[in-house]
C-alpha cells in the first residue's frame, strides 16, 4: 500500500519509540530503486525513512483516541 502527504498512519516498528503511535505523513520520497519511503510526524517528533511495510492506514477510532490523549495532556 502507498500513502500520500497528510495521510494518518500507524507506525509498526519495534525499534522505534513511536511503535504503535498514530502520525501524519509529511513527506513522500522515492528511493533510487523506485520504492517510496516516508517521513511521519508525531506529536513529539518524527520518524524518517519509513517504508510502506511499516505503516498501516489509521482508522477513525485510532485518530480520535490519539487526539483525545493530546487533549488530556494539554489540561
PDB file of N, CA and C in Angstrom:
ATOM      1  N   UNK A   1       0.846  -1.168   0.000  1.00  0.00           N
ATOM      2  CA  UNK A   1       0.000   0.000   0.000  1.00  0.00           C
ATOM      3  C   UNK A   1       0.895   1.236   0.000  1.00  0.00           C
ATOM      4  N   UNK A   2       0.454   2.260  -0.662  1.00  0.00           N
ATOM      5  CA  UNK A   2       1.205   3.514  -0.642  1.00  0.00           C
ATOM      6  C   UNK A   2       0.376   4.592   0.044  1.00  0.00           C
ATOM      7  N   UNK A   3       1.071   5.593   0.520  1.00  0.00           N
ATOM      8  CA  UNK A   3       0.431   6.665   1.274  1.00  0.00           C
ATOM      9  C   UNK A   3       0.780   8.000   0.640  1.00  0.00           C
ATOM     10  N   UNK A   4      -0.023   8.999   0.941  1.00  0.00           N
ATOM     11  CA  UNK A   4       0.211  10.338   0.425  1.00  0.00           C
ATOM     12  C   UNK A   4       0.365  11.311   1.583  1.00  0.00           C
ATOM     13  N   UNK A   5       0.899  12.475   1.273  1.00  0.00           N
ATOM     14  CA  UNK A   5       1.085  13.520   2.268  1.00  0.00           C
ATOM     15  C   UNK A   5      -0.246  13.806   2.960  1.00  0.00           C
ATOM     16  N   UNK A   6      -0.195  13.989   4.270  1.00  0.00           N
ATOM     17  CA  UNK A   6      -1.339  14.281   5.143  1.00  0.00           C
ATOM     18  C   UNK A   6      -2.152  13.040   5.533  1.00  0.00           C
ATOM     19  N   UNK A   7      -1.785  11.842   5.063  1.00  0.00           N
ATOM     20  CA  UNK A   7      -2.471  10.624   5.490  1.00  0.00           C
ATOM     21  C   UNK A   7      -2.147  10.339   6.952  1.00  0.00           C
ATOM     22  N   UNK A   8      -3.129   9.884   7.706  1.00  0.00           N
ATOM     23  CA  UNK A   8      -2.930   9.443   9.087  1.00  0.00           C
ATOM     24  C   UNK A   8      -2.562   7.967   9.050  1.00  0.00           C
ATOM     25  N   UNK A   9      -1.472   7.620   9.725  1.00  0.00           N
ATOM     26  CA  UNK A   9      -0.959   6.252   9.690  1.00  0.00           C
ATOM     27  C   UNK A   9      -0.556   5.792  11.090  1.00  0.00           C
ATOM     28  N   UNK A  10      -0.477   4.474  11.247  1.00  0.00           N
ATOM     29  CA  UNK A  10       0.029   3.859  12.475  1.00  0.00           C
ATOM     30  C   UNK A  10       1.367   3.227  12.125  1.00  0.00           C
ATOM     31  N   UNK A  11       2.409   3.563  12.911  1.00  0.00           N
ATOM     32  CA  UNK A  11       3.747   3.023  12.684  1.00  0.00           C
ATOM     33  C   UNK A  11       3.903   1.700  13.425  1.00  0.00           C
ATOM     34  N   UNK A  12       4.452   0.705  12.732  1.00  0.00           N
ATOM     35  CA  UNK A  12       4.746  -0.591  13.342  1.00  0.00           C
ATOM     36  C   UNK A  12       6.232  -0.874  13.149  1.00  0.00           C
ATOM     37  N   UNK A  13       7.023  -0.512  14.146  1.00  0.00           N
ATOM     38  CA  UNK A  13       8.469  -0.724  14.109  1.00  0.00           C
ATOM     39  C   UNK A  13       8.935  -0.884  15.555  1.00  0.00           C
ATOM     40  N   UNK A  14       9.241  -2.119  15.938  1.00  0.00           N
ATOM     41  CA  UNK A  14       9.581  -2.388  17.339  1.00  0.00           C
ATOM     42  C   UNK A  14      10.844  -1.653  17.786  1.00  0.00           C
ATOM     43  N   UNK A  15      11.633  -1.134  16.847  1.00  0.00           N
ATOM     44  CA  UNK A  15      12.855  -0.409  17.196  1.00  0.00           C
ATOM     45  C   UNK A  15      12.625   1.095  17.318  1.00  0.00           C
ATOM     46  N   UNK A  16      11.419   1.542  17.087  1.00  0.00           N
ATOM     47  CA  UNK A  16      11.105   2.969  17.139  1.00  0.00           C
ATOM     48  C   UNK A  16      10.375   3.311  18.431  1.00  0.00           C
ATOM     49  N   UNK A  17      10.651   4.500  18.968  1.00  0.00           N
ATOM     50  CA  UNK A  17       9.928   4.939  20.157  1.00  0.00           C
ATOM     51  C   UNK A  17       8.474   5.272  19.829  1.00  0.00           C
ATOM     52  N   UNK A  18       8.133   5.349  18.538  1.00  0.00           N
ATOM     53  CA  UNK A  18       6.774   5.671  18.112  1.00  0.00           C
ATOM     54  C   UNK A  18       5.986   4.426  17.683  1.00  0.00           C
ATOM     55  N   UNK A  19       6.501   3.242  17.971  1.00  0.00           N
ATOM     56  CA  UNK A  19       5.831   1.992  17.605  1.00  0.00           C
ATOM     57  C   UNK A  19       4.405   1.985  18.139  1.00  0.00           C
ATOM     58  N   UNK A  20       3.429   1.804  17.245  1.00  0.00           N
ATOM     59  CA  UNK A  20       2.025   1.747  17.618  1.00  0.00           C
ATOM     60  C   UNK A  20       1.335   3.098  17.682  1.00  0.00           C
ATOM     61  N   UNK A  21       2.085   4.179  17.475  1.00  0.00           N
ATOM     62  CA  UNK A  21       1.510   5.528  17.540  1.00  0.00           C
ATOM     63  C   UNK A  21       0.931   5.960  16.194  1.00  0.00           C
ATOM     64  N   UNK A  22      -0.057   6.847  16.265  1.00  0.00           N
ATOM     65  CA  UNK A  22      -0.656   7.434  15.069  1.00  0.00           C
ATOM     66  C   UNK A  22       0.108   8.710  14.725  1.00  0.00           C
ATOM     67  N   UNK A  23       0.481   8.837  13.457  1.00  0.00           N
ATOM     68  CA  UNK A  23       1.173  10.032  12.990  1.00  0.00           C
ATOM     69  C   UNK A  23       0.632  10.470  11.645  1.00  0.00           C
ATOM     70  N   UNK A  24       1.230  11.519  11.107  1.00  0.00           N
ATOM     71  CA  UNK A  24       0.814  12.073   9.819  1.00  0.00           C
ATOM     72  C   UNK A  24       1.988  12.037   8.850  1.00  0.00           C
ATOM     73  N   UNK A  25       1.747  11.534   7.641  1.00  0.00           N
ATOM     74  CA  UNK A  25       2.774  11.537   6.607  1.00  0.00           C
ATOM     75  C   UNK A  25       3.013  12.991   6.200  1.00  0.00           C
ATOM     76  N   UNK A  26       4.258  13.447   6.340  1.00  0.00           N
ATOM     77  CA  UNK A  26       4.578  14.829   5.985  1.00  0.00           C
ATOM     78  C   UNK A  26       5.370  14.925   4.695  1.00  0.00           C
ATOM     79  N   UNK A  27       6.004  13.815   4.299  1.00  0.00           N
ATOM     80  CA  UNK A  27       6.762  13.844   3.051  1.00  0.00           C
ATOM     81  C   UNK A  27       6.866  12.431   2.490  1.00  0.00           C
ATOM     82  N   UNK A  28       6.780  12.331   1.164  1.00  0.00           N
ATOM     83  CA  UNK A  28       6.952  11.068   0.459  1.00  0.00           C
ATOM     84  C   UNK A  28       8.179  11.220  -0.434  1.00  0.00           C
ATOM     85  N   UNK A  29       9.123  10.293  -0.307  1.00  0.00           N
ATOM     86  CA  UNK A  29      10.341  10.325  -1.108  1.00  0.00           C
ATOM     87  C   UNK A  29      10.490   9.005  -1.857  1.00  0.00           C
ATOM     88  N   UNK A  30      11.043   9.065  -3.038  1.00  0.00           N
ATOM     89  CA  UNK A  30      11.273   7.855  -3.817  1.00  0.00           C
ATOM     90  C   UNK A  30      12.751   7.499  -3.755  1.00  0.00           C
ATOM     91  N   UNK A  31      13.039   6.232  -3.432  1.00  0.00           N
ATOM     92  CA  UNK A  31      14.429   5.778  -3.396  1.00  0.00           C
ATOM     93  C   UNK A  31      14.934   5.560  -4.814  1.00  0.00           C
ATOM     94  N   UNK A  32      16.220   5.339  -4.955  1.00  0.00           N
ATOM     95  CA  UNK A  32      16.788   5.099  -6.290  1.00  0.00           C
ATOM     96  C   UNK A  32      16.306   3.773  -6.879  1.00  0.00           C
ATOM     97  N   UNK A  33      15.663   2.956  -6.060  1.00  0.00           N
ATOM     98  CA  UNK A  33      15.113   1.689  -6.528  1.00  0.00           C
ATOM     99  C   UNK A  33      13.636   1.805  -6.886  1.00  0.00           C
ATOM    100  N   UNK A  34      13.092   3.020  -6.828  1.00  0.00           N
ATOM    101  CA  UNK A  34      11.703   3.253  -7.210  1.00  0.00           C
ATOM    102  C   UNK A  34      10.687   2.966  -6.123  1.00  0.00           C
ATOM    103  N   UNK A  35      11.148   2.746  -4.898  1.00  0.00           N
ATOM    104  CA  UNK A  35      10.238   2.486  -3.782  1.00  0.00           C
ATOM    105  C   UNK A  35      10.035   3.769  -2.984  1.00  0.00           C
ATOM    106  N   UNK A  36       8.834   3.935  -2.443  1.00  0.00           N
ATOM    107  CA  UNK A  36       8.541   5.117  -1.638  1.00  0.00           C
ATOM    108  C   UNK A  36       8.966   4.900  -0.192  1.00  0.00           C
ATOM    109  N   UNK A  37       9.541   5.946   0.403  1.00  0.00           N
ATOM    110  CA  UNK A  37       9.765   5.992   1.846  1.00  0.00           C
ATOM    111  C   UNK A  37       9.107   7.265   2.360  1.00  0.00           C
ATOM    112  N   UNK A  38       8.849   7.309   3.646  1.00  0.00           N
ATOM    113  CA  UNK A  38       8.032   8.373   4.204  1.00  0.00           C
ATOM    114  C   UNK A  38       8.684   9.018   5.414  1.00  0.00           C
ATOM    115  N   UNK A  39       8.365  10.286   5.628  1.00  0.00           N
ATOM    116  CA  UNK A  39       8.634  10.956   6.892  1.00  0.00           C
ATOM    117  C   UNK A  39       7.275  11.082   7.568  1.00  0.00           C
ATOM    118  N   UNK A  40       7.206  10.570   8.799  1.00  0.00           N
ATOM    119  CA  UNK A  40       5.956  10.587   9.551  1.00  0.00           C
ATOM    120  C   UNK A  40       6.166  11.433  10.799  1.00  0.00           C
ATOM    121  N   UNK A  41       5.306  12.420  10.987  1.00  0.00           N
ATOM    122  CA  UNK A  41       5.390  13.293  12.159  1.00  0.00           C
ATOM    123  C   UNK A  41       4.421  12.831  13.231  1.00  0.00           C
ATOM    124  N   UNK A  42       4.907  12.886  14.468  1.00  0.00           N
ATOM    125  CA  UNK A  42       4.112  12.545  15.637  1.00  0.00           C
ATOM    126  C   UNK A  42       4.038  13.778  16.523  1.00  0.00           C
ATOM    127  N   UNK A  43       3.273  13.699  17.579  1.00  0.00           N
ATOM    128  CA  UNK A  43       3.070  14.839  18.470  1.00  0.00           C
ATOM    129  C   UNK A  43       4.396  15.401  18.986  1.00  0.00           C
ATOM    130  N   UNK A  44       5.351  14.529  19.294  1.00  0.00           N
ATOM    131  CA  UNK A  44       6.602  14.993  19.897  1.00  0.00           C
ATOM    132  C   UNK A  44       7.854  14.640  19.090  1.00  0.00           C
ATOM    133  N   UNK A  45       7.694  14.500  17.773  1.00  0.00           N
ATOM    134  CA  UNK A  45       8.858  14.215  16.940  1.00  0.00           C
ATOM    135  C   UNK A  45       8.474  13.637  15.603  1.00  0.00           C
ATOM    136  N   UNK A  46       9.465  13.061  14.931  1.00  0.00           N
ATOM    137  CA  UNK A  46       9.196  12.455  13.631  1.00  0.00           C
ATOM    138  C   UNK A  46      10.106  11.263  13.409  1.00  0.00           C
ATOM    139  N   UNK A  47       9.717  10.432  12.459  1.00  0.00           N
ATOM    140  CA  UNK A  47      10.478   9.266  12.048  1.00  0.00           C
ATOM    141  C   UNK A  47      10.691   9.382  10.544  1.00  0.00           C
ATOM    142  N   UNK A  48      11.929   9.291  10.099  1.00  0.00           N
ATOM    143  CA  UNK A  48      12.254   9.444   8.675  1.00  0.00           C
ATOM    144  C   UNK A  48      12.674   8.109   8.074  1.00  0.00           C
ATOM    145  N   UNK A  49      12.501   7.975   6.753  1.00  0.00           N
ATOM    146  CA  UNK A  49      12.930   6.779   6.043  1.00  0.00           C
ATOM    147  C   UNK A  49      12.075   5.566   6.313  1.00  0.00           C
ATOM    148  N   UNK A  50      10.806   5.770   6.619  1.00  0.00           N
ATOM    149  CA  UNK A  50       9.899   4.671   6.946  1.00  0.00           C
ATOM    150  C   UNK A  50       9.369   4.062   5.648  1.00  0.00           C
ATOM    151  N   UNK A  51       9.460   2.740   5.535  1.00  0.00           N
ATOM    152  CA  UNK A  51       8.913   2.096   4.335  1.00  0.00           C
ATOM    153  C   UNK A  51       7.442   1.754   4.532  1.00  0.00           C
ATOM    154  N   UNK A  52       6.761   1.520   3.437  1.00  0.00           N
ATOM    155  CA  UNK A  52       5.313   1.280   3.460  1.00  0.00           C
ATOM    156  C   UNK A  52       4.948   0.046   4.275  1.00  0.00           C
ATOM    157  N   UNK A  53       5.837  -0.948   4.337  1.00  0.00           N
ATOM    158  CA  UNK A  53       5.551  -2.173   5.090  1.00  0.00           C
ATOM    159  C   UNK A  53       5.448  -1.923   6.591  1.00  0.00           C
ATOM    160  N   UNK A  54       6.007  -0.803   7.065  1.00  0.00           N
ATOM    161  CA  UNK A  54       5.971  -0.473   8.491  1.00  0.00           C
ATOM    162  C   UNK A  54       4.784   0.407   8.864  1.00  0.00           C
ATOM    163  N   UNK A  55       3.948   0.727   7.878  1.00  0.00           N
ATOM    164  CA  UNK A  55       2.819   1.621   8.112  1.00  0.00           C
ATOM    165  C   UNK A  55       1.501   0.947   7.786  1.00  0.00           C
ATOM    166  N   UNK A  56       0.461   1.369   8.477  1.00  0.00           N
ATOM    167  CA  UNK A  56      -0.899   0.978   8.100  1.00  0.00           C
ATOM    168  C   UNK A  56      -1.780   2.215   8.241  1.00  0.00           C
ATOM    169  N   UNK A  57      -2.780   2.283   7.415  1.00  0.00           N
ATOM    170  CA  UNK A  57      -3.702   3.421   7.460  1.00  0.00           C
ATOM    171  C   UNK A  57      -4.392   3.437   8.811  1.00  0.00           C
ATOM    172  N   UNK A  58      -4.429   4.603   9.434  1.00  0.00           N
ATOM    173  CA  UNK A  58      -5.097   4.747  10.728  1.00  0.00           C
ATOM    174  C   UNK A  58      -6.599   4.797  10.496  1.00  0.00           C
ATOM    175  N   UNK A  59      -7.337   4.107  11.335  1.00  0.00           N
ATOM    176  CA  UNK A  59      -8.791   4.134  11.261  1.00  0.00           C
ATOM    177  C   UNK A  59      -9.298   5.310  12.079  1.00  0.00           C
ATOM    178  N   UNK A  60     -10.523   5.722  11.841  1.00  0.00           N
ATOM    179  CA  UNK A  60     -11.123   6.851  12.569  1.00  0.00           C
ATOM    180  C   UNK A  60     -10.935   6.697  14.076  1.00  0.00           C
ATOM    181  N   UNK A  61     -11.170   5.511  14.598  1.00  0.00           N
ATOM    182  CA  UNK A  61     -11.082   5.287  16.046  1.00  0.00           C
ATOM    183  C   UNK A  61      -9.666   5.539  16.547  1.00  0.00           C
ATOM    184  N   UNK A  62      -8.643   5.127  15.776  1.00  0.00           N
ATOM    185  CA  UNK A  62      -7.252   5.352  16.163  1.00  0.00           C
ATOM    186  C   UNK A  62      -6.946   6.838  16.253  1.00  0.00           C
ATOM    187  N   UNK A  63      -7.408   7.590  15.274  1.00  0.00           N
ATOM    188  CA  UNK A  63      -7.142   9.026  15.225  1.00  0.00           C
ATOM    189  C   UNK A  63      -7.849   9.733  16.370  1.00  0.00           C
ATOM    190  N   UNK A  64      -9.099   9.363  16.642  1.00  0.00           N
ATOM    191  CA  UNK A  64      -9.864  10.000  17.727  1.00  0.00           C
ATOM    192  C   UNK A  64      -9.226   9.725  19.081  1.00  0.00           C
ATOM    193  N   UNK A  65      -8.776   8.510  19.322  1.00  0.00           N
ATOM    194  CA  UNK A  65      -8.132   8.160  20.597  1.00  0.00           C
ATOM    195  C   UNK A  65      -6.864   8.972  20.751  1.00  0.00           C
ATOM    196  N   UNK A  66      -6.065   9.098  19.698  1.00  0.00           N
ATOM    197  CA  UNK A  66      -4.820   9.851  19.748  1.00  0.00           C
ATOM    198  C   UNK A  66      -5.092  11.330  20.046  1.00  0.00           C
ATOM    199  N   UNK A  67      -6.118  11.907  19.434  1.00  0.00           N
ATOM    200  CA  UNK A  67      -6.460  13.305  19.669  1.00  0.00           C
ATOM    201  C   UNK A  67      -6.981  13.505  21.086  1.00  0.00           C
ATOM    202  N   UNK A  68      -7.729  12.543  21.632  1.00  0.00           N
ATOM    203  CA  UNK A  68      -8.216  12.637  22.999  1.00  0.00           C
ATOM    204  C   UNK A  68      -7.043  12.630  23.981  1.00  0.00           C
ATOM    205  N   UNK A  69      -6.034  11.820  23.727  1.00  0.00           N
ATOM    206  CA  UNK A  69      -4.843  11.793  24.574  1.00  0.00           C
ATOM    207  C   UNK A  69      -4.139  13.134  24.556  1.00  0.00           C
ATOM    208  N   UNK A  70      -4.065  13.776  23.403  1.00  0.00           N
ATOM    209  CA  UNK A  70      -3.420  15.081  23.284  1.00  0.00           C
ATOM    210  C   UNK A  70      -4.200  16.129  24.063  1.00  0.00           C
ATOM    211  N   UNK A  71      -5.525  16.051  24.039  1.00  0.00           N
ATOM    212  CA  UNK A  71      -6.351  16.993  24.794  1.00  0.00           C
ATOM    213  C   UNK A  71      -6.126  16.852  26.298  1.00  0.00           C
ATOM    214  N   UNK A  72      -6.016  15.601  26.777  1.00  0.00           N
ATOM    215  CA  UNK A  72      -5.796  15.359  28.195  1.00  0.00           C
ATOM    216  C   UNK A  72      -4.434  15.876  28.633  1.00  0.00           C
ATOM    217  N   UNK A  73      -3.406  15.718  27.777  1.00  0.00           N
ATOM    218  CA  UNK A  73      -2.062  16.195  28.108  1.00  0.00           C
ATOM    219  C   UNK A  73      -2.030  17.719  28.218  1.00  0.00           C
ATOM    220  N   UNK A  74      -2.856  18.393  27.453  1.00  0.00           N
ATOM    221  CA  UNK A  74      -2.868  19.853  27.438  1.00  0.00           C
ATOM    222  C   UNK A  74      -3.491  20.435  28.698  1.00  0.00           C
ATOM    223  N   UNK A  75      -4.327  19.648  29.372  1.00  0.00           N
ATOM    224  CA  UNK A  75      -5.041  20.161  30.560  1.00  0.00           C
ATOM    225  C   UNK A  75      -4.177  20.211  31.783  1.00  0.00           C
TER     226      UNK A  75
END
